[in-house]
Amino acid sequence: MPNIRTSLNIHTNMTTNTESNNGWHVPSVNAMLRALQFGDSLLPVGSFSFSNGLESAVQLGVVHDPRSLGDFVRVVVEQAARSDGVAVLSAFRAARAGNESEVDQVDQTVFNRKLNEEMRTMTVRMGRKLGEMADRVLGPCEASAWLERIKAGITPGCYPIGQALVFESLRLSEREAFAAHQYGLASMLVNASLRLMKLHYLDAQSVLFRVNAHAEADYQRIVSKSIEDMSSFAPMIDVFAAAHVQARVRMFMN
């Protein structure tokens, strides 16, 4: 019979997810910590430099209080679920199947759907930084090979693809990968709002909490979709992004 120290070591080293008796997915403690680390809005991939169109929305007076901020963040996150969120799931499944060419196909599809130059800059800059971080922190993994293909010009290196590869390497679930993507985007916007408008920090957290309440429903809406189904329609967001390119004074790169 193993002693207490051996038992503790066994449990400490468990990183895989499990299922409880009722069939619910239950991540291990280590898996939860990995998800928290790589889903952190302070992850050093440069997200602090971008506002996803929020800066223009504030400058034009469309976003001016907690309610309008919540509406804006909700629209951006919902549209992201139907586009980049679908890509996260598709790339995750391709990586789990060991299909690098399909991963790159999803990557290129995401890039092609970024109509605004700043949006393309944001997604590839953050994607490459995430790949570099994963290669350094995790060691050789799917993201390492992806990073080499980015450097070789084979694939553009969009951020949602990097997230999918990192979470697959960590043996987490696709639901957790989707949740991290959605949370990171909402958190990026809320953090940017604190630098752009007069907003109480607790109001900002309330906005984030309300927006995140829709994540499971968003996941269920796109879980069966493929990259051919990727779509988004938020013309005002595109207008804000275009206006930001011409802005003479701005705090954020995007």
Protein backbone atom coordinates (compact mmCIF):
# COMPACT_ATOMS: atom_id res chain seq x y z
CA MET A 1 0.00 0.00 0.00
CA PRO A 2 1.56 3.39 -0.99
CA ASN A 3 2.61 5.71 1.79
CA ILE A 4 1.14 9.20 2.25
CA ARG A 5 4.02 10.97 0.46
CA THR A 6 3.68 8.70 -2.59
CA SER A 7 -0.06 9.31 -2.69
CA LEU A 8 0.43 13.05 -2.47
CA ASN A 9 2.98 12.99 -5.30
CA ILE A 10 0.62 11.03 -7.51
CA HIS A 11 -2.17 13.53 -7.01
CA THR A 12 0.15 16.52 -7.32
CA ASN A 13 1.39 15.37 -10.71
CA MET A 14 -2.07 14.80 -12.18
CA THR A 15 -2.67 17.29 -14.99
CA THR A 16 -5.36 15.56 -17.01
CA ASN A 17 -9.05 16.29 -16.81
CA THR A 18 -11.51 13.81 -15.36
CA GLU A 19 -15.23 13.19 -15.34
CA SER A 20 -17.34 12.93 -12.23
CA ASN A 21 -19.96 10.25 -11.67
CA ASN A 22 -22.70 12.43 -13.14
CA GLY A 23 -20.80 12.88 -16.42
CA TRP A 24 -19.78 16.51 -15.95
CA HIS A 25 -16.33 17.54 -17.14
CA VAL A 26 -14.12 18.17 -14.11
CA PRO A 27 -10.66 19.67 -14.71
CA SER A 28 -7.90 18.77 -12.30
CA VAL A 29 -6.45 21.46 -10.05
CA ASN A 30 -3.34 21.71 -12.22
CA ALA A 31 -5.46 21.98 -15.36
CA MET A 32 -7.47 24.80 -13.78
CA LEU A 33 -4.28 26.63 -12.89
CA ARG A 34 -2.96 26.28 -16.44
CA ALA A 35 -6.24 27.64 -17.80
CA LEU A 36 -6.06 30.58 -15.40
CA GLN A 37 -2.45 31.35 -16.32
CA PHE A 38 -2.87 31.24 -20.08
CA GLY A 39 -6.27 32.90 -19.95
CA ASP A 40 -5.05 35.80 -17.82
CA SER A 41 -5.68 39.24 -19.33
CA LEU A 42 -2.18 40.22 -18.13
CA LEU A 43 -0.55 37.55 -20.28
CA PRO A 44 2.50 39.23 -21.88
CA VAL A 45 1.31 39.12 -25.50
CA GLY A 46 0.69 42.84 -25.95
CA SER A 47 -3.08 42.90 -25.46
CA PHE A 48 -2.71 46.11 -23.41
CA SER A 49 -1.84 47.91 -26.66
CA PHE A 50 -5.21 47.29 -28.29
CA SER A 51 -8.79 48.36 -27.61
CA ASN A 52 -10.74 46.52 -30.34
CA GLY A 53 -12.36 49.71 -31.58
CA LEU A 54 -13.37 50.92 -28.12
CA GLU A 55 -11.16 54.00 -28.28
CA SER A 56 -13.02 55.34 -31.33
CA ALA A 57 -16.37 54.40 -29.78
CA VAL A 58 -15.52 56.47 -26.70
CA GLN A 59 -14.18 59.39 -28.73
CA LEU A 60 -17.34 59.46 -30.85
CA GLY A 61 -19.57 59.34 -27.77
CA VAL A 62 -21.17 55.99 -28.56
CA VAL A 63 -19.73 54.49 -25.38
CA HIS A 64 -20.01 56.90 -22.46
CA ASP A 65 -21.27 55.05 -19.36
CA PRO A 66 -21.40 51.52 -17.86
CA ARG A 67 -24.56 50.61 -19.75
CA SER A 68 -23.27 51.61 -23.18
CA LEU A 69 -19.93 49.99 -22.38
CA GLY A 70 -21.70 46.75 -21.51
CA ASP A 71 -23.66 46.86 -24.76
CA PHE A 72 -20.48 47.45 -26.76
CA VAL A 73 -18.50 44.69 -25.08
CA ARG A 74 -21.39 42.26 -25.45
CA VAL A 75 -21.65 42.92 -29.19
CA VAL A 76 -17.89 42.49 -29.72
CA VAL A 77 -17.76 39.27 -27.71
CA GLU A 78 -20.85 37.81 -29.37
CA GLN A 79 -19.50 38.55 -32.84
CA ALA A 80 -16.14 37.08 -31.84
CA ALA A 81 -17.80 33.83 -30.78
CA ARG A 82 -19.26 33.41 -34.27
CA SER A 83 -15.96 34.09 -35.99
CA ASP A 84 -12.77 33.69 -33.98
CA GLY A 85 -14.54 31.42 -31.49
CA VAL A 86 -15.40 28.99 -34.28
CA ALA A 87 -11.76 29.14 -35.35
CA VAL A 88 -10.60 28.28 -31.82
CA LEU A 89 -12.69 25.11 -31.82
CA SER A 90 -11.70 24.15 -35.38
CA ALA A 91 -7.98 24.65 -34.74
CA PHE A 92 -8.22 22.84 -31.41
CA ARG A 93 -9.80 19.79 -33.06
CA ALA A 94 -7.29 19.85 -35.93
CA ALA A 95 -4.38 20.02 -33.47
CA ARG A 96 -5.79 17.15 -31.42
CA ALA A 97 -6.01 15.11 -34.63
CA GLY A 98 -2.40 16.04 -35.50
CA ASN A 99 -3.44 17.81 -38.71
CA GLU A 100 -1.06 20.77 -39.12
CA SER A 101 -2.27 21.65 -42.61
CA GLU A 102 -5.81 22.05 -41.32
CA VAL A 103 -4.55 24.22 -38.46
CA ASP A 104 -2.88 26.48 -41.02
CA GLN A 105 -6.04 26.54 -43.14
CA VAL A 106 -8.04 27.78 -40.16
CA ASP A 107 -5.31 30.31 -39.42
CA GLN A 108 -5.46 31.72 -42.94
CA THR A 109 -9.26 31.79 -42.83
CA VAL A 110 -9.20 33.94 -39.70
CA PHE A 111 -6.67 36.32 -41.23
CA ASN A 112 -8.71 36.67 -44.42
CA ARG A 113 -11.74 37.73 -42.40
CA LYS A 114 -9.93 40.62 -40.72
CA LEU A 115 -10.93 43.42 -43.07
CA ASN A 116 -9.26 46.21 -41.12
CA GLU A 117 -5.48 46.60 -41.17
CA GLU A 118 -5.27 47.27 -37.44
CA MET A 119 -7.32 44.17 -36.63
CA ARG A 120 -4.95 42.06 -38.72
CA THR A 121 -1.98 43.64 -36.98
CA MET A 122 -3.49 42.94 -33.57
CA THR A 123 -4.26 39.27 -34.18
CA VAL A 124 -0.91 38.33 -35.75
CA ARG A 125 1.17 40.32 -33.26
CA MET A 126 -0.55 38.74 -30.27
CA GLY A 127 -0.53 35.34 -31.96
CA ARG A 128 3.20 35.34 -32.53
CA LYS A 129 3.89 36.54 -28.98
CA LEU A 130 1.71 33.75 -27.60
CA GLY A 131 3.57 31.21 -29.72
CA GLU A 132 6.91 32.48 -28.43
CA MET A 133 5.68 32.35 -24.84
CA ALA A 134 4.32 28.81 -25.24
CA ASP A 135 7.57 27.61 -26.78
CA ARG A 136 9.56 29.09 -23.89
CA VAL A 137 7.24 28.07 -21.04
CA LEU A 138 5.85 24.74 -22.23
CA GLY A 139 8.82 23.59 -24.26
CA PRO A 140 8.39 21.87 -27.64
CA CYS A 141 4.67 21.65 -28.40
CA GLU A 142 2.14 22.23 -31.18
CA ALA A 143 2.59 25.99 -30.76
CA SER A 144 6.36 25.61 -31.29
CA ALA A 145 5.88 24.02 -34.71
CA TRP A 146 3.23 26.64 -35.53
CA LEU A 147 5.68 29.40 -34.58
CA GLU A 148 8.25 27.98 -36.99
CA ARG A 149 5.65 27.98 -39.77
CA ILE A 150 4.86 31.61 -38.96
CA LYS A 151 8.53 32.56 -39.23
CA ALA A 152 8.74 30.71 -42.54
CA GLY A 153 5.75 32.63 -43.90
CA ILE A 154 3.65 29.49 -44.27
CA THR A 155 0.85 30.67 -41.99
CA PRO A 156 -0.06 34.15 -40.67
CA GLY A 157 -0.19 33.34 -36.94
CA CYS A 158 -3.55 34.60 -35.66
CA TYR A 159 -4.10 34.80 -31.92
CA PRO A 160 -7.17 32.50 -31.70
CA ILE A 161 -5.16 29.73 -33.35
CA GLY A 162 -2.35 30.18 -30.84
CA GLN A 163 -4.82 29.89 -27.99
CA ALA A 164 -6.27 26.70 -29.44
CA LEU A 165 -2.81 25.13 -29.79
CA VAL A 166 -1.71 26.13 -26.30
CA PHE A 167 -4.80 24.73 -24.62
CA GLU A 168 -4.64 21.54 -26.67
CA SER A 169 -1.00 21.11 -25.61
CA LEU A 170 -2.10 21.51 -22.01
CA ARG A 171 -4.65 18.72 -22.59
CA LEU A 172 -7.54 20.96 -21.63
CA SER A 173 -10.95 20.79 -23.27
CA GLU A 174 -12.17 22.77 -26.26
CA ARG A 175 -14.80 24.35 -24.00
CA GLU A 176 -12.02 25.71 -21.78
CA ALA A 177 -10.16 27.02 -24.84
CA PHE A 178 -13.30 28.81 -26.00
CA ALA A 179 -13.93 30.24 -22.53
CA ALA A 180 -10.38 31.58 -22.30
CA HIS A 181 -10.71 33.24 -25.69
CA GLN A 182 -14.01 34.90 -24.84
CA TYR A 183 -12.88 36.01 -21.39
CA GLY A 184 -9.63 37.42 -22.71
CA LEU A 185 -11.44 39.56 -25.27
CA ALA A 186 -14.00 40.89 -22.79
CA SER A 187 -11.31 41.55 -20.21
CA MET A 188 -9.16 43.39 -22.79
CA LEU A 189 -12.06 45.72 -23.58
CA VAL A 190 -12.97 46.36 -19.95
CA ASN A 191 -9.36 47.06 -19.02
CA ALA A 192 -9.09 49.48 -21.94
CA SER A 193 -12.26 51.25 -20.79
CA LEU A 194 -10.62 52.17 -17.49
CA ARG A 195 -7.97 54.09 -19.42
CA LEU A 196 -10.39 55.72 -21.85
CA MET A 197 -13.38 56.92 -19.83
CA LYS A 198 -14.52 58.01 -16.41
CA LEU A 199 -15.59 54.69 -14.97
CA HIS A 200 -15.55 53.26 -11.47
CA TYR A 201 -13.42 50.12 -11.38
CA LEU A 202 -16.25 48.19 -9.70
CA ASP A 203 -18.64 49.18 -12.50
CA ALA A 204 -16.08 47.77 -14.92
CA GLN A 205 -16.09 44.46 -13.09
CA SER A 206 -19.89 44.42 -13.12
CA VAL A 207 -19.83 44.84 -16.89
CA LEU A 208 -17.37 41.96 -17.23
CA PHE A 209 -19.46 39.74 -14.97
CA ARG A 210 -22.66 40.37 -16.95
CA VAL A 211 -21.00 39.81 -20.32
CA ASN A 212 -19.40 36.56 -19.19
CA ALA A 213 -22.82 35.22 -18.19
CA HIS A 214 -23.55 34.64 -21.90
CA ALA A 215 -20.45 32.53 -22.61
CA GLU A 216 -22.05 29.09 -22.27
CA ALA A 217 -24.95 30.05 -24.55
CA ASP A 218 -22.48 31.44 -27.10
CA TYR A 219 -20.53 28.19 -26.97
CA GLN A 220 -23.63 26.09 -27.55
CA ARG A 221 -24.55 28.21 -30.58
CA ILE A 222 -21.24 27.62 -32.36
CA VAL A 223 -20.04 24.22 -31.09
CA SER A 224 -21.25 22.38 -34.20
CA LYS A 225 -20.09 24.99 -36.73
CA SER A 226 -17.10 24.71 -39.06
CA ILE A 227 -14.84 27.39 -40.52
CA GLU A 228 -17.21 27.68 -43.49
CA ASP A 229 -19.80 28.95 -40.99
CA MET A 230 -17.58 31.69 -39.57
CA SER A 231 -19.39 34.99 -39.83
CA SER A 232 -19.91 38.28 -38.06
CA PHE A 233 -21.98 41.36 -38.80
CA ALA A 234 -21.27 44.47 -36.76
CA PRO A 235 -20.76 47.32 -39.26
CA MET A 236 -20.40 49.97 -36.55
CA ILE A 237 -17.40 48.09 -35.15
CA ASP A 238 -15.81 48.20 -38.61
CA VAL A 239 -16.55 51.93 -38.81
CA PHE A 240 -14.91 52.53 -35.44
CA ALA A 241 -11.85 50.55 -36.52
CA ALA A 242 -11.60 52.51 -39.77
CA ALA A 243 -11.96 55.81 -37.93
CA HIS A 244 -9.20 54.80 -35.56
CA VAL A 245 -6.74 54.37 -38.43
CA GLN A 246 -7.19 58.07 -39.31
CA ALA A 247 -7.22 59.34 -35.73
CA ARG A 248 -4.58 62.00 -35.06
CA VAL A 249 -4.53 61.42 -31.29
CA ARG A 250 -4.87 57.93 -29.88
CA MET A 251 -3.79 55.90 -26.89
CA PHE A 252 -4.10 52.41 -28.38
CA MET A 253 -2.60 50.86 -31.52
CA ASN A 254 -6.02 49.44 -32.39
